[in-house]
Amino acid sequence: MIAISLKDFEKPYFVATGQVEKPGKYDLRNDMTVTEAVAIAGGFTDKAKHSQVVLFRPSPSGGYVAKLINIKKLLNSRNLSEDLEVQPGDLVYVPQNAISKIRPYLPSSSMAPFLDQVFSEGTDFG
């Protein structure tokens, strides 16, 4: 007689990376959308580009298939019907917005009023 016991197994997971507060590998315990995955990863940083979140999904033939998601538009329209479901092995990538890339090179004292206005109006430069 042989007894076999399962000690551990690869649990379903997704990875959140880029401009999220807590990048990392997370357990995928039940149905979850991309916006929920971002929330679980701590939400967007102040440098995040909400309009170009990328969902990378493993392809059966190898590699990944990428899908661009405009979370900014989804949330503003209050219509989450196009919010994709996260599947095991998916990678959610949040890129950096353009203004945060160039902000370190701008003179802060003369540009501060302009940048404050831009951020308060929610303008997206790219």
C-alpha atoms as a PDB file:
ATOM      1  CA  MET A   1       0.000   0.000   0.000  1.00  0.00           C
ATOM      2  CA  ILE A   2       1.301   3.474  -0.978  1.00  0.00           C
ATOM      3  CA  ALA A   3       0.096   6.726   0.524  1.00  0.00           C
ATOM      4  CA  ILE A   4       0.543   9.976  -1.396  1.00  0.00           C
ATOM      5  CA  SER A   5      -0.047  13.346   0.180  1.00  0.00           C
ATOM      6  CA  LEU A   6      -0.032  16.672  -1.625  1.00  0.00           C
ATOM      7  CA  LYS A   7       2.138  19.154   0.253  1.00  0.00           C
ATOM      8  CA  ASP A   8       1.886  22.124  -2.067  1.00  0.00           C
ATOM      9  CA  PHE A   9       0.913  23.067  -5.596  1.00  0.00           C
ATOM     10  CA  GLU A  10       1.193  26.064  -7.886  1.00  0.00           C
ATOM     11  CA  LYS A  11      -1.765  28.232  -6.935  1.00  0.00           C
ATOM     12  CA  PRO A  12      -3.364  30.392  -9.645  1.00  0.00           C
ATOM     13  CA  TYR A  13      -1.741  33.827  -9.612  1.00  0.00           C
ATOM     14  CA  PHE A  14      -1.348  37.101 -11.503  1.00  0.00           C
ATOM     15  CA  VAL A  15       1.494  39.621 -11.482  1.00  0.00           C
ATOM     16  CA  ALA A  16       0.998  43.388 -11.157  1.00  0.00           C
ATOM     17  CA  THR A  17       3.943  45.560 -12.108  1.00  0.00           C
ATOM     18  CA  GLY A  18       4.869  49.058 -13.204  1.00  0.00           C
ATOM     19  CA  GLN A  19       3.273  52.093 -11.578  1.00  0.00           C
ATOM     20  CA  VAL A  20       1.242  50.356  -8.873  1.00  0.00           C
ATOM     21  CA  GLU A  21       1.860  50.950  -5.167  1.00  0.00           C
ATOM     22  CA  LYS A  22       2.736  47.312  -4.355  1.00  0.00           C
ATOM     23  CA  PRO A  23       4.058  45.472  -7.435  1.00  0.00           C
ATOM     24  CA  GLY A  24       4.252  41.727  -7.051  1.00  0.00           C
ATOM     25  CA  LYS A  25       2.754  38.282  -7.491  1.00  0.00           C
ATOM     26  CA  TYR A  26      -0.766  37.838  -6.093  1.00  0.00           C
ATOM     27  CA  ASP A  27      -2.981  34.803  -5.601  1.00  0.00           C
ATOM     28  CA  LEU A  28      -5.934  34.648  -7.955  1.00  0.00           C
ATOM     29  CA  ARG A  29      -8.559  33.272  -5.605  1.00  0.00           C
ATOM     30  CA  ASN A  30     -11.741  34.017  -7.552  1.00  0.00           C
ATOM     31  CA  ASP A  31     -13.042  35.974 -10.540  1.00  0.00           C
ATOM     32  CA  MET A  32     -11.227  39.291 -10.825  1.00  0.00           C
ATOM     33  CA  THR A  33     -11.039  42.127 -13.353  1.00  0.00           C
ATOM     34  CA  VAL A  34      -8.030  44.260 -14.306  1.00  0.00           C
ATOM     35  CA  THR A  35      -9.278  47.223 -12.240  1.00  0.00           C
ATOM     36  CA  GLU A  36      -9.677  44.922  -9.228  1.00  0.00           C
ATOM     37  CA  ALA A  37      -6.165  43.551  -9.791  1.00  0.00           C
ATOM     38  CA  VAL A  38      -4.756  47.098  -9.775  1.00  0.00           C
ATOM     39  CA  ALA A  39      -6.662  47.824  -6.554  1.00  0.00           C
ATOM     40  CA  ILE A  40      -5.275  44.680  -4.901  1.00  0.00           C
ATOM     41  CA  ALA A  41      -1.790  45.845  -5.877  1.00  0.00           C
ATOM     42  CA  GLY A  42      -2.364  49.050  -3.902  1.00  0.00           C
ATOM     43  CA  GLY A  43      -3.785  51.170  -6.716  1.00  0.00           C
ATOM     44  CA  PHE A  44      -2.037  53.496  -9.124  1.00  0.00           C
ATOM     45  CA  THR A  45       0.973  55.596  -8.154  1.00  0.00           C
ATOM     46  CA  ASP A  46       0.937  59.312  -8.949  1.00  0.00           C
ATOM     47  CA  LYS A  47       3.143  58.508 -11.972  1.00  0.00           C
ATOM     48  CA  ALA A  48       0.734  55.969 -13.500  1.00  0.00           C
ATOM     49  CA  LYS A  49      -0.708  56.254 -16.972  1.00  0.00           C
ATOM     50  CA  HIS A  50      -4.285  55.072 -16.363  1.00  0.00           C
ATOM     51  CA  SER A  51      -5.192  55.195 -20.041  1.00  0.00           C
ATOM     52  CA  GLN A  52      -2.686  52.599 -21.261  1.00  0.00           C
ATOM     53  CA  VAL A  53      -2.694  49.669 -18.849  1.00  0.00           C
ATOM     54  CA  VAL A  54      -1.498  46.502 -20.578  1.00  0.00           C
ATOM     55  CA  LEU A  55      -2.769  43.014 -19.839  1.00  0.00           C
ATOM     56  CA  PHE A  56      -0.244  40.376 -20.934  1.00  0.00           C
ATOM     57  CA  ARG A  57      -1.770  36.919 -21.224  1.00  0.00           C
ATOM     58  CA  PRO A  58       0.273  33.743 -21.793  1.00  0.00           C
ATOM     59  CA  SER A  59      -0.350  32.318 -25.245  1.00  0.00           C
ATOM     60  CA  PRO A  60      -0.875  28.554 -25.720  1.00  0.00           C
ATOM     61  CA  SER A  61       1.758  28.640 -28.470  1.00  0.00           C
ATOM     62  CA  GLY A  62       4.290  30.363 -26.192  1.00  0.00           C
ATOM     63  CA  GLY A  63       4.946  34.004 -25.513  1.00  0.00           C
ATOM     64  CA  TYR A  64       2.261  36.514 -24.573  1.00  0.00           C
ATOM     65  CA  VAL A  65      -0.705  38.273 -26.120  1.00  0.00           C
ATOM     66  CA  ALA A  66      -1.088  41.927 -25.071  1.00  0.00           C
ATOM     67  CA  LYS A  67      -4.333  43.847 -24.658  1.00  0.00           C
ATOM     68  CA  LEU A  68      -4.389  47.615 -24.040  1.00  0.00           C
ATOM     69  CA  ILE A  69      -6.996  48.802 -21.531  1.00  0.00           C
ATOM     70  CA  ASN A  70      -8.010  52.415 -20.932  1.00  0.00           C
ATOM     71  CA  ILE A  71      -8.950  52.229 -17.256  1.00  0.00           C
ATOM     72  CA  LYS A  72      -9.281  56.018 -17.098  1.00  0.00           C
ATOM     73  CA  LYS A  73     -12.052  55.870 -19.719  1.00  0.00           C
ATOM     74  CA  LEU A  74     -13.727  52.863 -18.064  1.00  0.00           C
ATOM     75  CA  LEU A  75     -13.906  54.594 -14.690  1.00  0.00           C
ATOM     76  CA  ASN A  76     -14.946  57.987 -16.093  1.00  0.00           C
ATOM     77  CA  SER A  77     -17.779  56.427 -18.118  1.00  0.00           C
ATOM     78  CA  ARG A  78     -18.826  54.318 -15.109  1.00  0.00           C
ATOM     79  CA  ASN A  79     -19.128  51.398 -17.505  1.00  0.00           C
ATOM     80  CA  LEU A  80     -16.970  48.462 -16.498  1.00  0.00           C
ATOM     81  CA  SER A  81     -18.428  46.065 -19.083  1.00  0.00           C
ATOM     82  CA  GLU A  82     -15.142  46.219 -21.034  1.00  0.00           C
ATOM     83  CA  ASP A  83     -13.019  45.556 -17.932  1.00  0.00           C
ATOM     84  CA  LEU A  84     -11.253  42.293 -18.790  1.00  0.00           C
ATOM     85  CA  GLU A  85     -11.165  39.318 -16.453  1.00  0.00           C
ATOM     86  CA  VAL A  86      -7.736  38.344 -15.148  1.00  0.00           C
ATOM     87  CA  GLN A  87      -6.757  34.730 -15.777  1.00  0.00           C
ATOM     88  CA  PRO A  88      -4.058  32.617 -14.100  1.00  0.00           C
ATOM     89  CA  GLY A  89      -0.568  33.659 -15.224  1.00  0.00           C
ATOM     90  CA  ASP A  90      -1.629  37.110 -16.473  1.00  0.00           C
ATOM     91  CA  LEU A  91       0.629  40.127 -16.025  1.00  0.00           C
ATOM     92  CA  VAL A  92      -0.935  43.565 -15.477  1.00  0.00           C
ATOM     93  CA  TYR A  93       1.496  46.339 -16.417  1.00  0.00           C
ATOM     94  CA  VAL A  94       0.849  50.009 -15.614  1.00  0.00           C
ATOM     95  CA  PRO A  95       3.216  52.322 -17.537  1.00  0.00           C
ATOM     96  CA  GLN A  96       4.580  55.666 -16.393  1.00  0.00           C
ATOM     97  CA  ASN A  97       2.887  58.825 -17.686  1.00  0.00           C
ATOM     98  CA  ALA A  98       4.820  61.277 -19.854  1.00  0.00           C
ATOM     99  CA  ILE A  99       4.733  64.251 -17.497  1.00  0.00           C
ATOM    100  CA  SER A 100       6.346  62.286 -14.675  1.00  0.00           C
ATOM    101  CA  LYS A 101       9.161  61.290 -17.049  1.00  0.00           C
ATOM    102  CA  ILE A 102      10.060  64.896 -17.861  1.00  0.00           C
ATOM    103  CA  ARG A 103       9.126  66.567 -14.559  1.00  0.00           C
ATOM    104  CA  PRO A 104      12.623  66.052 -13.014  1.00  0.00           C
ATOM    105  CA  TYR A 105      14.110  68.103 -15.869  1.00  0.00           C
ATOM    106  CA  LEU A 106      11.715  71.053 -15.576  1.00  0.00           C
ATOM    107  CA  PRO A 107      12.572  74.073 -13.431  1.00  0.00           C
ATOM    108  CA  SER A 108      10.247  73.550 -10.492  1.00  0.00           C
ATOM    109  CA  SER A 109       9.721  77.144  -9.373  1.00  0.00           C
ATOM    110  CA  SER A 110       8.577  78.563 -12.719  1.00  0.00           C
ATOM    111  CA  MET A 111       6.552  75.519 -13.818  1.00  0.00           C
ATOM    112  CA  ALA A 112       4.831  74.730 -10.504  1.00  0.00           C
ATOM    113  CA  PRO A 113       1.626  76.769 -11.136  1.00  0.00           C
ATOM    114  CA  PHE A 114       1.261  75.288 -14.639  1.00  0.00           C
ATOM    115  CA  LEU A 115       1.855  71.701 -13.478  1.00  0.00           C
ATOM    116  CA  ASP A 116      -0.554  72.118 -10.561  1.00  0.00           C
ATOM    117  CA  GLN A 117      -3.253  73.266 -12.988  1.00  0.00           C
ATOM    118  CA  VAL A 118      -2.533  70.396 -15.385  1.00  0.00           C
ATOM    119  CA  PHE A 119      -2.786  67.776 -12.635  1.00  0.00           C
ATOM    120  CA  SER A 120      -5.904  69.299 -11.077  1.00  0.00           C
ATOM    121  CA  GLU A 121      -7.700  69.221 -14.448  1.00  0.00           C
ATOM    122  CA  GLY A 122      -6.681  65.611 -15.051  1.00  0.00           C
ATOM    123  CA  THR A 123      -4.959  66.314 -18.355  1.00  0.00           C
ATOM    124  CA  ASP A 124      -3.193  63.268 -19.787  1.00  0.00           C
ATOM    125  CA  PHE A 125      -0.151  64.062 -21.942  1.00  0.00           C
ATOM    126  CA  GLY A 126       0.289  60.726 -23.564  1.00  0.00           C
END
